[in-house]
Amino acid sequence: MEQRIHIGRRNDYSIDFDLQEMFIPLKRGEEASFEMSILNHGPPTHVHLSITGEIKNRVILLRDNPYVKKEEKIPVVVRLPKDGKPRYRGEIFVSTGYGSQKSSFPIEIGSVKKKSTKKRKVKGMPHWLTLLSVSLFLLGFIFFTLFITFTYFHENPYWGCLASSIAIVFMLLYLIGR
């Protein structure tokens, strides 16, 4: 896991992050580390890093005021105490240009939230009601087609029978596909 911070990419002393927020999965009593790469696209400058929020005493920056010519890698150590909450939130602030530009990204450490195993109910028409309504529509279409065929085309009922057969095939395909 690595956060890349870009200094001066858009304009002098601008600050951009590759990750807009970070989550570091840890169990109570565990420790982890990662690197923050500071990439300078402009003139060499000092970059100041600070931590706020609940993570202040749980995240340690091994260098908090590096002088960055092109690229510097800052090691970060994260510790989650054995006793305490399972999750902590805070922000890492980055400032450049002697404090003229300041930006931050949220960081959360702790255990992964368990996903709910409950199935969500999808609102809408029940499956059986959908099948019933489609079946009734197709049956009505078939009877209507047969009625028109034998009423108006009694000499040549070919077209009505063809339309009825097509409707039956579509109804069967729909019911099989469900």
N, C-alpha and C. Protein backbone atom coordinates (compact mmCIF):
# COMPACT_ATOMS: atom_id res chain seq x y z
N MET A 1 0.86 -1.16 0.00
CA MET A 1 0.00 0.00 0.00
C MET A 1 0.91 1.23 0.00
N GLU A 2 0.63 2.14 -0.90
CA GLU A 2 1.47 3.34 -1.00
C GLU A 2 0.62 4.54 -1.40
N GLN A 3 0.81 5.62 -0.69
CA GLN A 3 0.16 6.87 -1.05
C GLN A 3 1.19 7.72 -1.78
N ARG A 4 0.82 8.23 -2.95
CA ARG A 4 1.70 9.11 -3.71
C ARG A 4 1.14 10.52 -3.64
N ILE A 5 1.99 11.44 -3.24
CA ILE A 5 1.60 12.84 -3.10
C ILE A 5 2.36 13.62 -4.16
N HIS A 6 1.64 14.37 -4.97
CA HIS A 6 2.25 15.16 -6.04
C HIS A 6 2.26 16.63 -5.64
N ILE A 7 3.44 17.21 -5.67
CA ILE A 7 3.61 18.63 -5.34
C ILE A 7 3.91 19.38 -6.64
N GLY A 8 3.19 20.46 -6.89
CA GLY A 8 3.47 21.32 -8.04
C GLY A 8 3.11 20.71 -9.38
N ARG A 9 2.21 19.78 -9.42
CA ARG A 9 1.84 19.16 -10.70
C ARG A 9 0.91 20.08 -11.50
N ARG A 10 -0.03 20.72 -10.86
CA ARG A 10 -0.95 21.63 -11.55
C ARG A 10 -0.42 23.06 -11.61
N ASN A 11 0.13 23.53 -10.49
CA ASN A 11 0.74 24.86 -10.41
C ASN A 11 1.71 24.87 -9.24
N ASP A 12 2.39 25.98 -9.02
CA ASP A 12 3.38 26.04 -7.94
C ASP A 12 2.77 25.62 -6.61
N TYR A 13 3.38 24.67 -5.99
CA TYR A 13 3.04 24.18 -4.65
C TYR A 13 1.66 23.53 -4.55
N SER A 14 1.03 23.18 -5.66
CA SER A 14 -0.26 22.47 -5.58
C SER A 14 -0.02 21.09 -4.98
N ILE A 15 -1.06 20.54 -4.37
CA ILE A 15 -0.96 19.24 -3.69
C ILE A 15 -2.05 18.33 -4.23
N ASP A 16 -1.65 17.16 -4.73
CA ASP A 16 -2.59 16.16 -5.23
C ASP A 16 -2.23 14.80 -4.65
N PHE A 17 -3.25 13.97 -4.41
CA PHE A 17 -3.05 12.63 -3.86
C PHE A 17 -3.52 11.58 -4.85
N ASP A 18 -2.77 10.48 -4.95
CA ASP A 18 -3.23 9.36 -5.78
C ASP A 18 -4.44 8.69 -5.14
N LEU A 19 -4.40 8.50 -3.82
CA LEU A 19 -5.52 7.92 -3.09
C LEU A 19 -6.23 9.04 -2.34
N GLN A 20 -7.51 9.22 -2.60
CA GLN A 20 -8.25 10.29 -1.93
C GLN A 20 -8.52 9.96 -0.47
N GLU A 21 -8.49 8.68 -0.12
CA GLU A 21 -8.60 8.25 1.26
C GLU A 21 -7.91 6.91 1.39
N MET A 22 -7.49 6.59 2.62
CA MET A 22 -6.79 5.33 2.84
C MET A 22 -7.46 4.55 3.96
N PHE A 23 -7.44 3.25 3.83
CA PHE A 23 -7.88 2.36 4.89
C PHE A 23 -6.79 1.33 5.10
N ILE A 24 -6.36 1.18 6.34
CA ILE A 24 -5.32 0.21 6.67
C ILE A 24 -5.95 -0.83 7.58
N PRO A 25 -6.14 -2.05 7.06
CA PRO A 25 -6.77 -3.10 7.88
C PRO A 25 -5.79 -3.65 8.92
N LEU A 26 -6.18 -3.53 10.16
CA LEU A 26 -5.37 -4.04 11.27
C LEU A 26 -6.28 -4.64 12.33
N LYS A 27 -5.81 -5.66 12.98
CA LYS A 27 -6.49 -6.21 14.14
C LYS A 27 -5.88 -5.57 15.38
N ARG A 28 -6.60 -5.62 16.46
CA ARG A 28 -6.08 -5.04 17.72
C ARG A 28 -4.74 -5.68 18.08
N GLY A 29 -3.80 -4.83 18.43
CA GLY A 29 -2.47 -5.29 18.81
C GLY A 29 -1.50 -5.46 17.64
N GLU A 30 -1.97 -5.23 16.41
CA GLU A 30 -1.10 -5.38 15.24
C GLU A 30 -0.43 -4.07 14.86
N GLU A 31 0.60 -4.23 14.04
CA GLU A 31 1.35 -3.08 13.52
C GLU A 31 1.59 -3.30 12.03
N ALA A 32 1.59 -2.20 11.27
CA ALA A 32 1.85 -2.30 9.83
C ALA A 32 2.63 -1.06 9.41
N SER A 33 3.19 -1.11 8.23
CA SER A 33 3.91 0.05 7.71
C SER A 33 3.62 0.19 6.22
N PHE A 34 3.78 1.40 5.74
CA PHE A 34 3.65 1.68 4.32
C PHE A 34 4.48 2.91 4.02
N GLU A 35 4.60 3.24 2.73
CA GLU A 35 5.38 4.39 2.32
C GLU A 35 4.48 5.43 1.67
N MET A 36 4.83 6.66 1.94
CA MET A 36 4.23 7.77 1.21
C MET A 36 5.33 8.33 0.32
N SER A 37 5.08 8.35 -0.96
CA SER A 37 6.03 8.92 -1.90
C SER A 37 5.61 10.35 -2.20
N ILE A 38 6.53 11.26 -2.03
CA ILE A 38 6.27 12.66 -2.37
C ILE A 38 7.01 12.95 -3.66
N LEU A 39 6.26 13.26 -4.70
CA LEU A 39 6.83 13.54 -6.02
C LEU A 39 6.71 15.04 -6.27
N ASN A 40 7.85 15.68 -6.48
CA ASN A 40 7.86 17.12 -6.70
C ASN A 40 8.01 17.40 -8.20
N HIS A 41 7.03 18.11 -8.77
CA HIS A 41 7.05 18.44 -10.19
C HIS A 41 7.54 19.87 -10.43
N GLY A 42 7.88 20.55 -9.35
CA GLY A 42 8.33 21.94 -9.46
C GLY A 42 9.70 22.12 -8.83
N PRO A 43 10.00 23.33 -8.36
CA PRO A 43 11.31 23.57 -7.73
C PRO A 43 11.39 22.87 -6.37
N PRO A 44 12.60 22.56 -5.91
CA PRO A 44 12.76 21.90 -4.61
C PRO A 44 12.08 22.71 -3.50
N THR A 45 11.48 21.99 -2.56
CA THR A 45 10.73 22.65 -1.50
C THR A 45 10.64 21.76 -0.26
N HIS A 46 10.40 22.40 0.87
CA HIS A 46 10.09 21.66 2.10
C HIS A 46 8.62 21.30 2.08
N VAL A 47 8.32 20.11 2.54
CA VAL A 47 6.94 19.64 2.67
C VAL A 47 6.74 19.28 4.12
N HIS A 48 5.69 19.83 4.71
CA HIS A 48 5.39 19.53 6.11
C HIS A 48 4.21 18.58 6.20
N LEU A 49 4.36 17.52 7.00
CA LEU A 49 3.32 16.51 7.18
C LEU A 49 2.87 16.52 8.63
N SER A 50 1.56 16.45 8.86
CA SER A 50 1.04 16.38 10.23
C SER A 50 -0.18 15.47 10.26
N ILE A 51 -0.49 15.00 11.46
CA ILE A 51 -1.58 14.04 11.65
C ILE A 51 -2.57 14.61 12.65
N THR A 52 -3.86 14.46 12.35
CA THR A 52 -4.90 14.93 13.26
C THR A 52 -5.92 13.82 13.50
N GLY A 53 -6.76 14.02 14.49
CA GLY A 53 -7.84 13.08 14.76
C GLY A 53 -7.42 11.95 15.68
N GLU A 54 -8.22 10.91 15.67
CA GLU A 54 -7.99 9.76 16.57
C GLU A 54 -6.72 9.00 16.25
N ILE A 55 -6.21 9.16 15.05
CA ILE A 55 -5.02 8.39 14.64
C ILE A 55 -3.72 9.06 15.05
N LYS A 56 -3.80 10.25 15.66
CA LYS A 56 -2.60 11.03 15.97
C LYS A 56 -1.55 10.23 16.73
N ASN A 57 -1.96 9.44 17.71
CA ASN A 57 -1.01 8.65 18.49
C ASN A 57 -0.85 7.23 17.97
N ARG A 58 -1.47 6.93 16.85
CA ARG A 58 -1.42 5.58 16.31
C ARG A 58 -0.69 5.50 14.97
N VAL A 59 -0.45 6.64 14.34
CA VAL A 59 0.27 6.71 13.07
C VAL A 59 1.54 7.52 13.31
N ILE A 60 2.68 6.95 12.93
CA ILE A 60 3.97 7.60 13.16
C ILE A 60 4.64 7.86 11.82
N LEU A 61 4.92 9.12 11.54
CA LEU A 61 5.68 9.51 10.34
C LEU A 61 7.15 9.56 10.74
N LEU A 62 8.00 8.79 10.06
CA LEU A 62 9.41 8.77 10.43
C LEU A 62 10.14 10.04 9.99
N ARG A 63 9.55 10.79 9.07
CA ARG A 63 10.06 12.11 8.67
C ARG A 63 8.84 12.99 8.42
N ASP A 64 8.79 14.14 9.10
CA ASP A 64 7.59 14.97 8.93
C ASP A 64 7.86 16.31 8.24
N ASN A 65 9.13 16.59 7.89
CA ASN A 65 9.43 17.84 7.20
C ASN A 65 10.55 17.63 6.17
N PRO A 66 10.31 16.77 5.17
CA PRO A 66 11.39 16.48 4.21
C PRO A 66 11.58 17.62 3.21
N TYR A 67 12.81 17.73 2.75
CA TYR A 67 13.13 18.65 1.65
C TYR A 67 13.09 17.79 0.39
N VAL A 68 12.18 18.14 -0.53
CA VAL A 68 11.93 17.29 -1.69
C VAL A 68 12.45 17.97 -2.95
N LYS A 69 13.48 17.34 -3.55
CA LYS A 69 13.97 17.84 -4.84
C LYS A 69 13.12 17.24 -5.96
N LYS A 70 13.12 15.94 -6.09
CA LYS A 70 12.32 15.25 -7.11
C LYS A 70 11.35 14.25 -6.44
N GLU A 71 11.92 13.36 -5.62
CA GLU A 71 11.10 12.36 -4.95
C GLU A 71 11.71 11.98 -3.61
N GLU A 72 10.83 11.86 -2.63
CA GLU A 72 11.23 11.38 -1.30
C GLU A 72 10.22 10.35 -0.85
N LYS A 73 10.72 9.31 -0.21
CA LYS A 73 9.83 8.28 0.33
C LYS A 73 9.82 8.43 1.86
N ILE A 74 8.63 8.52 2.41
CA ILE A 74 8.46 8.71 3.84
C ILE A 74 7.86 7.42 4.43
N PRO A 75 8.60 6.72 5.28
CA PRO A 75 8.05 5.53 5.93
C PRO A 75 7.02 5.93 7.00
N VAL A 76 5.94 5.16 7.06
CA VAL A 76 4.87 5.41 8.01
C VAL A 76 4.60 4.10 8.76
N VAL A 77 4.54 4.18 10.09
CA VAL A 77 4.24 3.02 10.92
C VAL A 77 2.87 3.25 11.56
N VAL A 78 2.05 2.21 11.52
CA VAL A 78 0.69 2.29 12.06
C VAL A 78 0.54 1.20 13.11
N ARG A 79 0.04 1.59 14.29
CA ARG A 79 -0.17 0.63 15.38
C ARG A 79 -1.60 0.75 15.88
N LEU A 80 -2.20 -0.41 16.11
CA LEU A 80 -3.53 -0.45 16.70
C LEU A 80 -3.40 -1.10 18.08
N PRO A 81 -3.76 -0.36 19.14
CA PRO A 81 -3.58 -0.91 20.49
C PRO A 81 -4.48 -2.12 20.74
N LYS A 82 -4.01 -2.99 21.67
CA LYS A 82 -4.80 -4.18 22.00
C LYS A 82 -6.11 -3.80 22.68
N ASP A 83 -6.02 -2.82 23.55
CA ASP A 83 -7.23 -2.38 24.24
C ASP A 83 -7.66 -1.05 23.63
N GLY A 84 -8.88 -0.94 23.31
CA GLY A 84 -9.37 0.27 22.69
C GLY A 84 -10.38 -0.05 21.61
N LYS A 85 -10.69 0.95 20.83
CA LYS A 85 -11.68 0.78 19.79
C LYS A 85 -11.13 -0.06 18.64
N PRO A 86 -12.02 -0.68 17.87
CA PRO A 86 -11.55 -1.49 16.74
C PRO A 86 -11.18 -0.65 15.51
N ARG A 87 -11.63 0.63 15.46
CA ARG A 87 -11.35 1.49 14.30
C ARG A 87 -11.07 2.92 14.77
N TYR A 88 -10.14 3.55 14.03
CA TYR A 88 -9.79 4.95 14.32
C TYR A 88 -9.71 5.72 13.01
N ARG A 89 -10.14 6.99 13.06
CA ARG A 89 -10.13 7.86 11.88
C ARG A 89 -9.34 9.12 12.17
N GLY A 90 -8.78 9.67 11.11
CA GLY A 90 -8.07 10.94 11.21
C GLY A 90 -7.67 11.41 9.83
N GLU A 91 -6.79 12.40 9.79
CA GLU A 91 -6.32 12.93 8.51
C GLU A 91 -4.82 13.16 8.57
N ILE A 92 -4.21 13.03 7.42
CA ILE A 92 -2.81 13.41 7.26
C ILE A 92 -2.81 14.68 6.42
N PHE A 93 -2.27 15.76 7.00
CA PHE A 93 -2.21 17.05 6.32
C PHE A 93 -0.84 17.23 5.69
N VAL A 94 -0.84 17.82 4.50
CA VAL A 94 0.38 18.12 3.77
C VAL A 94 0.35 19.61 3.46
N SER A 95 1.45 20.30 3.79
CA SER A 95 1.51 21.73 3.46
C SER A 95 2.82 22.03 2.74
N THR A 96 2.75 22.96 1.78
CA THR A 96 3.90 23.37 0.99
C THR A 96 3.89 24.88 0.87
N GLY A 97 4.94 25.40 0.26
CA GLY A 97 5.01 26.85 0.04
C GLY A 97 4.99 27.63 1.33
N TYR A 98 5.71 27.13 2.34
CA TYR A 98 5.77 27.76 3.66
C TYR A 98 4.38 27.95 4.25
N GLY A 99 3.53 26.94 4.04
CA GLY A 99 2.18 26.96 4.59
C GLY A 99 1.14 27.62 3.70
N SER A 100 1.54 28.10 2.52
CA SER A 100 0.56 28.76 1.64
C SER A 100 -0.42 27.77 1.02
N GLN A 101 -0.03 26.52 0.85
CA GLN A 101 -0.91 25.48 0.33
C GLN A 101 -1.01 24.36 1.36
N LYS A 102 -2.23 23.94 1.62
CA LYS A 102 -2.44 22.87 2.60
C LYS A 102 -3.58 21.99 2.12
N SER A 103 -3.40 20.69 2.20
CA SER A 103 -4.43 19.75 1.80
C SER A 103 -4.28 18.50 2.66
N SER A 104 -5.33 17.68 2.68
CA SER A 104 -5.28 16.48 3.52
C SER A 104 -6.04 15.34 2.86
N PHE A 105 -5.80 14.16 3.38
CA PHE A 105 -6.59 13.00 2.97
C PHE A 105 -6.94 12.21 4.23
N PRO A 106 -8.18 11.68 4.28
CA PRO A 106 -8.59 10.89 5.44
C PRO A 106 -7.92 9.53 5.45
N ILE A 107 -7.66 9.06 6.64
CA ILE A 107 -7.07 7.73 6.81
C ILE A 107 -7.81 7.04 7.95
N GLU A 108 -8.11 5.78 7.74
CA GLU A 108 -8.81 4.99 8.75
C GLU A 108 -8.03 3.72 8.98
N ILE A 109 -7.87 3.35 10.25
CA ILE A 109 -7.17 2.11 10.58
C ILE A 109 -8.09 1.26 11.45
N GLY A 110 -7.96 -0.04 11.32
CA GLY A 110 -8.74 -0.93 12.17
C GLY A 110 -9.23 -2.15 11.44
N SER A 111 -10.14 -2.81 12.10
CA SER A 111 -10.67 -4.06 11.55
C SER A 111 -11.64 -3.78 10.42
N VAL A 112 -11.74 -4.74 9.54
CA VAL A 112 -12.64 -4.62 8.40
C VAL A 112 -14.06 -4.85 8.89
N LYS A 113 -14.97 -3.99 8.45
CA LYS A 113 -16.37 -4.15 8.83
C LYS A 113 -16.91 -5.41 8.18
N LYS A 114 -17.67 -6.16 8.95
CA LYS A 114 -18.28 -7.37 8.41
C LYS A 114 -19.45 -6.96 7.54
N LYS A 115 -19.54 -7.61 6.38
CA LYS A 115 -20.65 -7.34 5.48
C LYS A 115 -21.87 -8.10 5.97
N SER A 116 -22.99 -7.48 5.80
CA SER A 116 -24.25 -8.08 6.19
C SER A 116 -24.56 -9.27 5.28
N THR A 117 -25.02 -10.35 5.90
CA THR A 117 -25.38 -11.53 5.11
C THR A 117 -26.87 -11.56 4.80
N LYS A 118 -27.59 -10.57 5.26
CA LYS A 118 -29.02 -10.52 4.97
C LYS A 118 -29.23 -10.21 3.50
N LYS A 119 -30.22 -10.89 2.92
CA LYS A 119 -30.56 -10.61 1.53
C LYS A 119 -31.50 -9.42 1.51
N ARG A 120 -31.24 -8.53 0.60
CA ARG A 120 -32.11 -7.38 0.46
C ARG A 120 -33.33 -7.77 -0.35
N LYS A 121 -34.46 -7.27 0.09
CA LYS A 121 -35.68 -7.51 -0.68
C LYS A 121 -35.75 -6.50 -1.80
N VAL A 122 -35.97 -7.00 -2.97
CA VAL A 122 -36.09 -6.14 -4.13
C VAL A 122 -37.56 -5.78 -4.27
N LYS A 123 -37.81 -4.50 -4.26
CA LYS A 123 -39.19 -4.07 -4.41
C LYS A 123 -39.58 -4.21 -5.86
N GLY A 124 -40.78 -4.61 -6.06
CA GLY A 124 -41.28 -4.79 -7.41
C GLY A 124 -42.31 -5.90 -7.41
N MET A 125 -42.65 -6.31 -8.57
CA MET A 125 -43.68 -7.33 -8.74
C MET A 125 -43.10 -8.70 -8.39
N PRO A 126 -43.85 -9.52 -7.61
CA PRO A 126 -43.37 -10.88 -7.33
C PRO A 126 -43.23 -11.69 -8.62
N HIS A 127 -42.35 -12.67 -8.57
CA HIS A 127 -42.05 -13.50 -9.74
C HIS A 127 -43.31 -14.17 -10.29
N TRP A 128 -44.11 -14.75 -9.41
CA TRP A 128 -45.31 -15.47 -9.86
C TRP A 128 -46.32 -14.53 -10.50
N LEU A 129 -46.38 -13.29 -10.00
CA LEU A 129 -47.33 -12.34 -10.57
C LEU A 129 -46.87 -11.89 -11.96
N THR A 130 -45.56 -11.76 -12.14
CA THR A 130 -45.02 -11.41 -13.45
C THR A 130 -45.35 -12.51 -14.46
N LEU A 131 -45.09 -13.75 -14.08
CA LEU A 131 -45.39 -14.87 -14.97
C LEU A 131 -46.88 -14.95 -15.30
N LEU A 132 -47.71 -14.75 -14.28
CA LEU A 132 -49.15 -14.81 -14.50
C LEU A 132 -49.61 -13.72 -15.46
N SER A 133 -49.11 -12.49 -15.26
CA SER A 133 -49.56 -11.40 -16.12
C SER A 133 -49.07 -11.58 -17.56
N VAL A 134 -47.85 -12.03 -17.75
CA VAL A 134 -47.34 -12.27 -19.12
C VAL A 134 -48.11 -13.42 -19.76
N SER A 135 -48.35 -14.47 -19.01
CA SER A 135 -49.09 -15.61 -19.55
C SER A 135 -50.51 -15.21 -19.95
N LEU A 136 -51.19 -14.46 -19.10
CA LEU A 136 -52.55 -14.02 -19.43
C LEU A 136 -52.56 -13.11 -20.64
N PHE A 137 -51.57 -12.23 -20.75
CA PHE A 137 -51.49 -11.36 -21.92
C PHE A 137 -51.33 -12.18 -23.20
N LEU A 138 -50.39 -13.14 -23.17
CA LEU A 138 -50.15 -13.95 -24.36
C LEU A 138 -51.35 -14.83 -24.70
N LEU A 139 -52.01 -15.40 -23.71
CA LEU A 139 -53.21 -16.20 -23.97
C LEU A 139 -54.32 -15.33 -24.55
N GLY A 140 -54.49 -14.14 -24.02
CA GLY A 140 -55.47 -13.21 -24.57
C GLY A 140 -55.16 -12.87 -26.01
N PHE A 141 -53.86 -12.67 -26.30
CA PHE A 141 -53.45 -12.36 -27.67
C PHE A 141 -53.76 -13.53 -28.60
N ILE A 142 -53.50 -14.74 -28.12
CA ILE A 142 -53.77 -15.93 -28.94
C ILE A 142 -55.26 -16.04 -29.23
N PHE A 143 -56.11 -15.92 -28.20
CA PHE A 143 -57.57 -16.02 -28.42
C PHE A 143 -58.08 -14.90 -29.32
N PHE A 144 -57.54 -13.69 -29.13
CA PHE A 144 -57.95 -12.58 -29.99
C PHE A 144 -57.57 -12.87 -31.44
N THR A 145 -56.35 -13.38 -31.66
CA THR A 145 -55.88 -13.70 -33.01
C THR A 145 -56.74 -14.79 -33.63
N LEU A 146 -57.08 -15.84 -32.87
CA LEU A 146 -57.92 -16.91 -33.39
C LEU A 146 -59.33 -16.39 -33.71
N PHE A 147 -59.86 -15.53 -32.84
CA PHE A 147 -61.19 -14.97 -33.08
C PHE A 147 -61.21 -14.15 -34.37
N ILE A 148 -60.20 -13.27 -34.55
CA ILE A 148 -60.13 -12.45 -35.76
C ILE A 148 -59.94 -13.34 -36.99
N THR A 149 -59.10 -14.36 -36.85
CA THR A 149 -58.81 -15.25 -37.98
C THR A 149 -60.07 -15.95 -38.46
N PHE A 150 -60.79 -16.57 -37.54
CA PHE A 150 -61.95 -17.35 -37.95
C PHE A 150 -63.19 -16.48 -38.23
N THR A 151 -63.17 -15.24 -37.77
CA THR A 151 -64.29 -14.35 -38.06
C THR A 151 -64.13 -13.69 -39.42
N TYR A 152 -62.93 -13.17 -39.69
CA TYR A 152 -62.74 -12.40 -40.92
C TYR A 152 -62.00 -13.14 -42.02
N PHE A 153 -61.19 -14.13 -41.63
CA PHE A 153 -60.41 -14.85 -42.64
C PHE A 153 -60.78 -16.33 -42.65
N HIS A 154 -62.05 -16.66 -42.59
CA HIS A 154 -62.44 -18.06 -42.51
C HIS A 154 -62.11 -18.84 -43.78
N GLU A 155 -61.91 -18.13 -44.93
CA GLU A 155 -61.52 -18.86 -46.13
C GLU A 155 -60.05 -19.26 -46.08
N ASN A 156 -59.20 -18.42 -45.50
CA ASN A 156 -57.76 -18.68 -45.46
C ASN A 156 -57.24 -18.34 -44.04
N PRO A 157 -57.36 -19.27 -43.11
CA PRO A 157 -56.97 -18.98 -41.71
C PRO A 157 -55.46 -19.10 -41.47
N TYR A 158 -54.68 -19.18 -42.54
CA TYR A 158 -53.22 -19.35 -42.42
C TYR A 158 -52.59 -18.26 -41.54
N TRP A 159 -52.90 -16.97 -41.78
CA TRP A 159 -52.25 -15.87 -41.07
C TRP A 159 -52.57 -15.86 -39.58
N GLY A 160 -53.76 -16.16 -39.24
CA GLY A 160 -54.15 -16.22 -37.83
C GLY A 160 -53.46 -17.34 -37.09
N CYS A 161 -53.39 -18.50 -37.75
CA CYS A 161 -52.71 -19.64 -37.13
C CYS A 161 -51.22 -19.36 -36.97
N LEU A 162 -50.63 -18.69 -37.97
CA LEU A 162 -49.22 -18.33 -37.88
C LEU A 162 -48.98 -17.37 -36.71
N ALA A 163 -49.82 -16.34 -36.56
CA ALA A 163 -49.68 -15.38 -35.46
C ALA A 163 -49.86 -16.07 -34.12
N SER A 164 -50.84 -16.98 -34.02
CA SER A 164 -51.07 -17.71 -32.77
C SER A 164 -49.87 -18.59 -32.43
N SER A 165 -49.32 -19.26 -33.43
CA SER A 165 -48.15 -20.13 -33.20
C SER A 165 -46.95 -19.32 -32.71
N ILE A 166 -46.73 -18.16 -33.32
CA ILE A 166 -45.62 -17.30 -32.89
C ILE A 166 -45.83 -16.85 -31.45
N ALA A 167 -47.05 -16.49 -31.09
CA ALA A 167 -47.34 -16.06 -29.72
C ALA A 167 -47.10 -17.20 -28.74
N ILE A 168 -47.49 -18.42 -29.11
CA ILE A 168 -47.25 -19.58 -28.23
C ILE A 168 -45.76 -19.83 -28.05
N VAL A 169 -45.01 -19.73 -29.13
CA VAL A 169 -43.55 -19.94 -29.04
C VAL A 169 -42.92 -18.89 -28.12
N PHE A 170 -43.30 -17.61 -28.27
CA PHE A 170 -42.76 -16.57 -27.39
C PHE A 170 -43.14 -16.81 -25.94
N MET A 171 -44.36 -17.24 -25.69
CA MET A 171 -44.78 -17.51 -24.33
C MET A 171 -43.95 -18.65 -23.73
N LEU A 172 -43.74 -19.71 -24.48
CA LEU A 172 -42.93 -20.83 -23.99
C LEU A 172 -41.49 -20.41 -23.75
N LEU A 173 -40.91 -19.66 -24.66
CA LEU A 173 -39.53 -19.20 -24.47
C LEU A 173 -39.40 -18.31 -23.23
N TYR A 174 -40.37 -17.45 -23.03
CA TYR A 174 -40.34 -16.58 -21.85
C TYR A 174 -40.42 -17.40 -20.57
N LEU A 175 -41.35 -18.37 -20.54
CA LEU A 175 -41.53 -19.17 -19.34
C LEU A 175 -40.32 -20.07 -19.08
N ILE A 176 -39.70 -20.58 -20.12
CA ILE A 176 -38.50 -21.41 -19.95
C ILE A 176 -37.33 -20.56 -19.48
N GLY A 177 -37.23 -19.33 -20.00
CA GLY A 177 -36.12 -18.44 -19.65
C GLY A 177 -36.18 -17.93 -18.23
N ARG A 178 -37.33 -17.93 -17.61
CA ARG A 178 -37.48 -17.44 -16.24
C ARG A 178 -36.98 -18.49 -15.32
